[in-house]
N, C-alpha and C. Protein backbone atom coordinates (compact mmCIF):
# COMPACT_ATOMS: atom_id res chain seq x y z
N MET A 1 -4.28 -20.17 46.20
CA MET A 1 -4.97 -19.86 44.76
C MET A 1 -3.81 -20.28 44.14
N THR A 2 -3.82 -20.48 42.75
CA THR A 2 -3.37 -21.09 41.96
C THR A 2 -3.15 -19.84 40.73
N GLU A 3 -1.56 -19.34 40.29
CA GLU A 3 -1.34 -18.47 39.80
C GLU A 3 -1.67 -18.93 38.15
N PRO A 4 -1.95 -18.05 37.27
CA PRO A 4 -2.20 -18.35 36.02
C PRO A 4 -1.10 -19.07 35.18
N ILE A 5 -0.96 -19.74 34.45
CA ILE A 5 -0.04 -20.66 33.23
C ILE A 5 0.53 -19.58 32.23
N PRO A 6 1.64 -18.91 32.28
CA PRO A 6 2.30 -17.80 31.37
C PRO A 6 1.95 -18.72 29.75
N THR A 7 1.11 -18.01 28.94
CA THR A 7 1.26 -18.31 27.73
C THR A 7 2.10 -17.99 27.05
N VAL A 8 3.20 -18.61 26.12
CA VAL A 8 3.97 -18.20 25.26
C VAL A 8 3.32 -17.88 23.50
N SER A 9 3.62 -16.88 23.20
CA SER A 9 2.86 -16.93 21.80
C SER A 9 4.05 -17.63 20.69
N PRO A 10 3.49 -17.83 19.66
CA PRO A 10 4.47 -18.78 19.12
C PRO A 10 5.27 -18.13 18.35
N ARG A 11 6.47 -18.24 17.75
CA ARG A 11 7.45 -17.65 17.26
C ARG A 11 6.72 -17.53 15.50
N ARG A 12 7.54 -16.05 15.44
CA ARG A 12 6.95 -15.67 14.39
C ARG A 12 8.23 -15.48 13.30
N THR A 13 8.15 -15.98 12.14
CA THR A 13 9.31 -15.82 11.13
C THR A 13 9.42 -14.61 10.83
N PRO A 14 10.91 -14.27 10.93
CA PRO A 14 10.99 -12.66 10.20
C PRO A 14 10.63 -12.26 9.24
N LEU A 15 10.36 -10.88 9.08
CA LEU A 15 10.00 -10.43 7.61
C LEU A 15 11.17 -10.51 6.55
N TRP A 16 12.33 -10.71 7.05
CA TRP A 16 13.43 -10.38 6.07
C TRP A 16 13.80 -11.89 5.63
N LEU A 17 13.10 -12.44 6.49
CA LEU A 17 13.85 -14.42 5.96
C LEU A 17 12.72 -14.78 4.93
N TRP A 18 11.44 -13.97 4.65
CA TRP A 18 10.31 -14.39 4.07
C TRP A 18 10.48 -13.55 2.67
N VAL A 19 11.05 -12.50 2.78
CA VAL A 19 11.74 -11.37 1.70
C VAL A 19 12.85 -12.24 1.07
N MET A 20 13.75 -12.65 1.70
CA MET A 20 14.47 -13.85 1.19
C MET A 20 14.40 -14.62 0.45
N LEU A 21 13.54 -15.45 1.12
CA LEU A 21 13.04 -16.45 0.31
C LEU A 21 11.98 -16.39 -0.98
N LEU A 22 11.24 -15.33 -1.02
CA LEU A 22 10.63 -14.67 -2.34
C LEU A 22 11.82 -14.55 -3.20
N LEU A 23 12.31 -13.86 -2.69
CA LEU A 23 13.62 -13.40 -4.05
C LEU A 23 14.06 -14.75 -4.38
N PHE A 24 14.48 -15.69 -3.62
CA PHE A 24 15.25 -16.75 -3.84
C PHE A 24 14.11 -17.52 -4.87
N ALA A 25 12.99 -17.55 -4.78
CA ALA A 25 12.08 -18.35 -5.81
C ALA A 25 11.99 -17.51 -6.74
N LEU A 26 12.01 -16.08 -6.97
CA LEU A 26 11.87 -15.36 -7.91
C LEU A 26 13.33 -15.80 -8.70
N SER A 27 14.35 -15.50 -8.29
CA SER A 27 15.53 -15.88 -9.05
C SER A 27 15.66 -17.27 -9.36
N VAL A 28 15.24 -18.14 -8.90
CA VAL A 28 14.92 -19.67 -9.73
C VAL A 28 13.95 -19.64 -10.68
N LEU A 29 12.89 -18.84 -10.70
CA LEU A 29 11.89 -18.76 -11.56
C LEU A 29 12.53 -18.17 -12.83
N ILE A 30 13.17 -17.08 -12.72
CA ILE A 30 13.84 -16.40 -13.97
C ILE A 30 14.93 -17.32 -14.30
N VAL A 31 15.65 -18.00 -13.83
CA VAL A 31 16.79 -18.71 -14.06
C VAL A 31 16.10 -19.98 -14.93
N SER A 32 15.39 -20.68 -14.74
CA SER A 32 14.65 -21.62 -15.02
C SER A 32 14.03 -21.51 -16.56
N SER A 33 13.55 -20.04 -16.43
CA SER A 33 12.71 -19.55 -17.87
C SER A 33 13.74 -19.10 -18.78
N ALA A 34 14.75 -18.62 -18.35
CA ALA A 34 15.84 -17.99 -19.35
C ALA A 34 16.39 -19.56 -19.82
N PHE A 35 16.56 -20.38 -19.10
CA PHE A 35 17.16 -21.88 -19.38
C PHE A 35 16.23 -22.74 -20.66
N GLN A 36 15.04 -22.26 -20.18
CA GLN A 36 13.99 -22.81 -21.09
C GLN A 36 14.07 -22.09 -22.28
N TRP A 37 14.05 -21.14 -22.19
CA TRP A 37 14.18 -20.10 -23.36
C TRP A 37 15.46 -20.09 -24.40
N ILE A 38 16.43 -20.54 -23.60
CA ILE A 38 17.81 -21.21 -24.71
C ILE A 38 17.67 -22.26 -24.94
N VAL A 39 17.02 -23.31 -24.28
CA VAL A 39 16.93 -24.75 -25.04
C VAL A 39 15.83 -24.56 -26.34
N THR A 40 14.94 -23.68 -26.44
CA THR A 40 14.08 -23.41 -27.72
C THR A 40 14.40 -22.90 -28.91
N LEU A 41 15.46 -22.24 -28.93
CA LEU A 41 16.09 -21.12 -29.82
C LEU A 41 16.54 -22.60 -31.03
N ASP A 42 16.30 -21.95 -32.24
CA ASP A 42 16.25 -22.55 -33.21
C ASP A 42 17.65 -22.42 -33.97
N ASP A 43 18.69 -21.51 -33.27
CA ASP A 43 20.06 -21.37 -33.84
C ASP A 43 21.12 -21.61 -33.37
N LEU A 44 21.04 -22.75 -32.21
CA LEU A 44 21.91 -23.29 -31.68
C LEU A 44 22.29 -24.51 -32.31
N PRO A 45 23.68 -24.74 -32.32
CA PRO A 45 24.59 -24.52 -31.48
C PRO A 45 25.29 -23.04 -31.91
N ALA A 46 25.40 -21.80 -31.10
CA ALA A 46 25.95 -20.60 -31.76
C ALA A 46 27.56 -20.56 -31.98
N HIS A 47 27.65 -19.85 -32.58
CA HIS A 47 29.25 -19.70 -33.14
C HIS A 47 29.62 -18.09 -32.71
N VAL A 48 30.58 -17.61 -32.04
CA VAL A 48 31.17 -16.54 -31.95
C VAL A 48 32.30 -16.22 -32.83
N ILE A 49 32.35 -15.56 -34.04
CA ILE A 49 33.46 -15.21 -34.70
C ILE A 49 33.75 -13.75 -34.81
N ILE A 50 35.27 -13.72 -34.40
CA ILE A 50 35.56 -12.36 -34.26
C ILE A 50 36.71 -12.19 -35.53
N ASP A 51 36.94 -11.33 -36.25
CA ASP A 51 37.72 -11.24 -37.35
C ASP A 51 38.23 -12.69 -38.12
N GLY A 52 37.36 -13.44 -38.06
CA GLY A 52 37.44 -14.55 -38.80
C GLY A 52 37.75 -15.63 -37.98
N GLN A 53 38.09 -15.28 -36.76
CA GLN A 53 38.52 -16.42 -36.00
C GLN A 53 37.29 -17.14 -34.95
N GLU A 54 36.77 -18.09 -35.03
CA GLU A 54 36.02 -18.71 -34.00
C GLU A 54 36.37 -18.64 -32.48
N ILE A 55 35.73 -17.75 -31.55
CA ILE A 55 35.87 -17.74 -30.22
C ILE A 55 35.77 -18.52 -29.50
N VAL A 56 34.25 -18.97 -29.98
CA VAL A 56 33.37 -19.60 -28.62
C VAL A 56 32.16 -20.31 -29.69
N ASN A 57 32.02 -21.64 -29.21
CA ASN A 57 31.26 -22.34 -29.77
C ASN A 57 30.32 -22.76 -28.59
N VAL A 58 29.15 -22.58 -28.98
CA VAL A 58 28.61 -22.41 -27.49
C VAL A 58 27.19 -23.69 -28.02
N ASP A 59 27.14 -24.57 -27.45
CA ASP A 59 26.22 -25.85 -27.68
C ASP A 59 25.50 -26.21 -26.66
N PRO A 60 24.48 -26.38 -26.22
CA PRO A 60 23.47 -26.71 -24.95
C PRO A 60 23.71 -28.03 -24.69
N ALA A 61 23.83 -28.76 -25.61
CA ALA A 61 24.19 -30.05 -25.64
C ALA A 61 25.39 -30.33 -24.48
N TRP A 62 25.87 -29.70 -24.35
CA TRP A 62 27.51 -29.79 -23.57
C TRP A 62 27.05 -29.88 -22.33
N PHE A 63 25.96 -29.10 -22.01
CA PHE A 63 25.34 -29.16 -20.69
C PHE A 63 24.60 -30.07 -20.14
N SER A 64 25.27 -31.28 -19.72
CA SER A 64 24.27 -32.17 -19.39
C SER A 64 24.89 -32.90 -18.01
N GLY A 65 24.00 -33.28 -17.05
CA GLY A 65 24.31 -34.03 -15.83
C GLY A 65 24.89 -32.82 -14.80
N TRP A 66 25.86 -33.14 -14.23
CA TRP A 66 26.56 -32.19 -13.07
C TRP A 66 26.86 -30.80 -13.51
N THR A 67 27.30 -31.05 -14.90
CA THR A 67 27.32 -29.18 -15.44
C THR A 67 26.03 -28.72 -15.84
N ALA A 68 25.26 -29.08 -16.08
CA ALA A 68 23.89 -28.13 -15.92
C ALA A 68 23.67 -27.60 -14.65
N VAL A 69 23.65 -28.87 -13.66
CA VAL A 69 23.66 -28.64 -12.22
C VAL A 69 24.27 -27.34 -11.75
N ALA A 70 25.36 -27.40 -12.15
CA ALA A 70 26.52 -26.64 -11.54
C ALA A 70 26.47 -25.17 -12.32
N LEU A 71 26.05 -25.13 -13.76
CA LEU A 71 25.61 -24.08 -14.26
C LEU A 71 24.15 -23.10 -13.32
N ILE A 72 23.17 -24.02 -13.24
CA ILE A 72 21.88 -23.50 -13.25
C ILE A 72 22.24 -22.71 -11.51
N VAL A 73 22.98 -23.62 -10.68
CA VAL A 73 22.94 -23.23 -9.49
C VAL A 73 24.03 -21.93 -9.43
N ALA A 74 24.96 -21.58 -10.34
CA ALA A 74 25.80 -20.53 -10.45
C ALA A 74 24.78 -19.41 -10.70
N ALA A 75 24.03 -19.57 -11.76
CA ALA A 75 23.04 -18.62 -12.23
C ALA A 75 22.18 -18.01 -11.44
N VAL A 76 21.71 -19.18 -10.40
CA VAL A 76 20.64 -18.60 -9.63
C VAL A 76 20.87 -17.96 -8.65
N VAL A 77 22.41 -17.93 -8.05
CA VAL A 77 23.22 -17.28 -7.18
C VAL A 77 23.33 -16.23 -7.71
N CYS A 78 23.61 -16.14 -8.83
CA CYS A 78 24.21 -14.61 -9.28
C CYS A 78 22.87 -13.82 -9.46
N VAL A 79 21.79 -14.39 -9.97
CA VAL A 79 20.43 -13.67 -9.98
C VAL A 79 19.81 -13.53 -8.85
N PHE A 80 19.88 -14.07 -7.88
CA PHE A 80 19.81 -14.01 -6.41
C PHE A 80 20.65 -12.28 -5.79
N THR A 81 21.74 -12.74 -5.96
CA THR A 81 22.59 -11.68 -5.71
C THR A 81 22.50 -10.56 -6.45
N LEU A 82 21.71 -10.44 -7.69
CA LEU A 82 21.51 -9.09 -8.21
C LEU A 82 20.23 -8.62 -7.76
N LEU A 83 19.20 -9.28 -6.95
CA LEU A 83 18.00 -9.04 -6.83
C LEU A 83 18.15 -8.65 -5.51
N ILE A 84 19.17 -8.54 -4.32
CA ILE A 84 19.34 -8.39 -3.29
C ILE A 84 20.20 -6.59 -3.76
N VAL A 85 21.22 -6.85 -4.40
CA VAL A 85 22.11 -5.88 -4.23
C VAL A 85 21.18 -4.47 -5.27
N ILE A 86 20.88 -4.72 -6.26
CA ILE A 86 20.39 -3.77 -6.94
C ILE A 86 19.63 -2.71 -6.24
N PRO A 87 18.49 -3.13 -5.57
CA PRO A 87 17.45 -2.44 -4.09
C PRO A 87 18.42 -1.74 -3.18
N LEU A 88 19.51 -2.33 -2.77
CA LEU A 88 20.52 -1.72 -1.74
C LEU A 88 20.78 -0.91 -2.34
N VAL A 89 21.49 -0.63 -3.51
CA VAL A 89 22.26 0.42 -4.27
C VAL A 89 21.14 1.48 -4.49
N MET A 90 20.33 1.63 -4.76
CA MET A 90 18.97 2.47 -5.13
C MET A 90 18.57 3.24 -4.00
N LEU A 91 18.48 2.23 -2.85
CA LEU A 91 18.10 2.58 -1.62
C LEU A 91 19.45 3.67 -1.25
N ILE A 92 20.71 3.45 -1.04
CA ILE A 92 21.62 4.04 -0.68
C ILE A 92 21.86 5.47 -1.51
N ALA A 93 21.44 5.30 -2.77
CA ALA A 93 21.55 6.08 -3.59
C ALA A 93 20.51 7.48 -3.45
N ILE A 94 19.08 7.03 -2.94
CA ILE A 94 17.97 7.70 -2.87
C ILE A 94 18.54 8.50 -1.45
N ALA A 95 18.84 7.84 -0.51
CA ALA A 95 19.53 8.15 1.08
C ALA A 95 20.44 9.56 0.74
N CYS A 96 21.26 9.14 0.30
CA CYS A 96 22.45 10.10 -0.38
C CYS A 96 21.54 11.40 -0.96
N ALA A 97 20.88 11.30 -1.91
CA ALA A 97 19.94 12.36 -2.48
C ALA A 97 19.41 13.24 -1.44
N LEU A 98 18.66 12.40 -0.51
CA LEU A 98 17.62 13.31 0.37
C LEU A 98 18.66 13.79 1.11
N ILE A 99 19.58 13.29 1.68
CA ILE A 99 20.68 14.10 2.92
C ILE A 99 21.45 15.54 1.89
N GLY A 100 21.74 15.42 0.83
CA GLY A 100 21.92 16.27 -0.11
C GLY A 100 21.28 17.39 0.08
N MET A 101 19.70 17.10 -0.50
CA MET A 101 18.94 18.14 -0.57
C MET A 101 18.84 18.52 0.96
N ALA A 102 18.60 17.50 1.50
CA ALA A 102 18.70 18.23 3.24
C ALA A 102 19.75 19.56 3.23
N LEU A 103 20.91 19.01 3.36
CA LEU A 103 21.96 19.81 3.44
C LEU A 103 21.71 21.30 2.57
N GLY A 104 21.60 21.06 1.34
CA GLY A 104 21.51 22.02 0.22
C GLY A 104 20.34 22.84 0.61
N VAL A 105 19.24 22.58 0.95
CA VAL A 105 17.95 23.34 1.07
C VAL A 105 17.58 23.73 2.20
N VAL A 106 17.58 22.78 2.98
CA VAL A 106 17.00 22.85 4.53
C VAL A 106 17.66 23.57 5.41
N LEU A 107 19.23 23.64 5.43
CA LEU A 107 20.15 23.61 6.09
C LEU A 107 20.03 25.37 5.67
N PRO A 108 19.96 25.94 4.40
CA PRO A 108 19.85 27.39 4.50
C PRO A 108 19.15 27.97 4.86
N VAL A 109 18.01 27.27 4.81
CA VAL A 109 16.10 28.40 5.41
C VAL A 109 16.57 28.23 6.65
N VAL A 110 17.03 27.25 7.59
CA VAL A 110 17.64 27.34 9.09
C VAL A 110 18.19 28.60 9.29
N VAL A 111 19.28 28.77 8.15
CA VAL A 111 20.41 29.50 9.02
C VAL A 111 19.66 30.99 8.87
N VAL A 112 19.02 31.30 7.52
CA VAL A 112 18.13 32.66 7.32
C VAL A 112 17.24 32.64 8.28
N ALA A 113 16.35 31.85 8.92
CA ALA A 113 15.51 31.94 9.88
C ALA A 113 16.32 32.48 11.19
N LEU A 114 17.59 31.47 11.62
CA LEU A 114 17.50 32.28 12.85
C LEU A 114 18.50 33.55 12.73
N VAL A 115 19.20 34.07 11.68
CA VAL A 115 19.66 35.04 11.46
C VAL A 115 18.46 35.94 11.50
N LEU A 116 17.67 35.72 10.80
CA LEU A 116 16.31 36.97 11.16
C LEU A 116 15.93 36.79 12.55
N ALA A 117 15.71 35.99 13.10
CA ALA A 117 15.40 35.87 14.71
C ALA A 117 16.44 36.75 15.51
N LEU A 118 17.78 36.42 15.25
CA LEU A 118 18.61 37.58 15.69
C LEU A 118 18.91 38.89 15.46
N VAL A 119 18.56 39.16 13.99
CA VAL A 119 18.24 40.58 13.91
C VAL A 119 17.05 41.32 14.22
N LEU A 120 16.22 40.49 14.10
CA LEU A 120 14.72 41.03 14.81
C LEU A 120 14.75 40.98 16.20
N SER A 121 15.49 40.28 17.24
CA SER A 121 15.10 40.34 18.19
C SER A 121 15.12 41.43 19.24
N PRO A 122 15.82 42.76 19.02
CA PRO A 122 15.56 43.69 19.74
C PRO A 122 14.08 44.62 19.64
N ILE A 123 13.54 44.20 18.30
CA ILE A 123 12.15 44.66 18.10
C ILE A 123 11.30 43.77 18.79
N TRP A 124 11.53 42.37 18.68
CA TRP A 124 10.39 41.62 19.67
C TRP A 124 10.49 41.61 21.00
N LEU A 125 11.84 42.08 21.73
CA LEU A 125 11.98 42.33 23.07
C LEU A 125 11.24 43.38 23.43
N SER A 126 11.22 44.48 22.62
CA SER A 126 10.78 45.60 22.87
C SER A 126 8.99 45.77 22.49
N CYS A 127 8.85 45.12 21.69
CA CYS A 127 7.18 44.43 21.44
C CYS A 127 6.73 43.77 23.01
N PHE A 128 7.48 42.57 23.32
CA PHE A 128 7.14 41.84 24.61
C PHE A 128 7.08 42.99 25.65
N ILE A 129 8.03 43.68 25.72
CA ILE A 129 7.92 44.33 27.07
C ILE A 129 7.00 45.61 27.09
N ALA A 130 6.31 45.90 26.00
CA ALA A 130 5.21 46.70 26.00
C ALA A 130 4.12 46.12 26.12
N TRP A 131 3.85 44.90 25.69
CA TRP A 131 2.91 43.68 25.78
C TRP A 131 2.59 43.92 27.78
N ARG A 132 3.40 43.30 28.27
CA ARG A 132 3.58 43.06 29.39
C ARG A 132 3.00 44.69 30.27
N LEU A 133 3.43 45.60 29.93
CA LEU A 133 2.99 46.91 30.67
C LEU A 133 1.98 47.05 30.55
N VAL A 134 1.25 47.07 29.06
CA VAL A 134 0.22 47.48 28.75
C VAL A 134 -1.02 46.10 29.66
N LYS A 135 -0.49 45.09 29.52
CA LYS A 135 -0.90 44.14 30.42
C LYS A 135 -1.41 44.58 31.98
N ARG A 136 -0.10 44.59 32.36
CA ARG A 136 -0.26 44.80 33.98
C ARG A 136 -1.09 46.07 34.34
N SER A 137 -1.18 47.54 33.28
CA SER A 137 -1.85 48.07 33.68
C SER A 137 -3.42 48.44 33.53
N THR A 138 -3.81 47.57 32.97
CA THR A 138 -5.56 47.04 33.01
C THR A 138 -5.63 46.54 34.40
N PRO A 139 -6.59 47.07 35.04
CA PRO A 139 -7.55 46.27 36.02
C PRO A 139 -7.83 44.69 35.90
N ARG A 140 -7.73 44.40 36.79
CA ARG A 140 -7.91 42.55 36.80
C ARG A 140 -9.48 42.24 36.30
N GLY A 141 -10.63 43.17 36.97
CA GLY A 141 -11.82 43.05 37.01
C GLY A 141 -12.55 43.74 35.61
N ILE A 142 -11.84 44.48 34.61
CA ILE A 142 -12.41 45.47 33.85
C ILE A 142 -11.15 44.82 32.67
N ALA A 143 -12.43 44.53 31.55
CA ALA A 143 -11.68 44.04 30.54
C ALA A 143 -11.21 44.92 29.31
N ALA A 144 -9.92 44.71 28.92
CA ALA A 144 -9.84 46.23 28.02
C ALA A 144 -10.72 46.23 26.72
N ALA A 145 -11.02 47.30 26.39
CA ALA A 145 -11.92 47.52 25.06
C ALA A 145 -10.97 47.28 23.79
């Protein structure tokens, strides 16, 4: 007899990789639309003046060639990092809040329940013994009325 040839299922791309690719595409879209918006502004070049001194003079015409590529790549990396870090920080904050609520609300309730169980244990024990005695005293063939 021949043995069946084992088939191997095709490898699937992990979910986290798809999420990272989606976040990267979103960051490229955000940066490209931001730069497109900056180019369409009418008030450029911009001059930042503080106390009568010109601090910065921003002109988009400066960014040409490799300077523009470097600026766009840096902006994409920054936005991509923010898209990853902000949800993680929020997730950690929510987890800490839930742990705090569990320790602040659930733990005292459990402690009160354990204390009540310990305090009321003699009553429960006497009720259990009485129930066993009543159950044992009834004959097996006759049902208790």
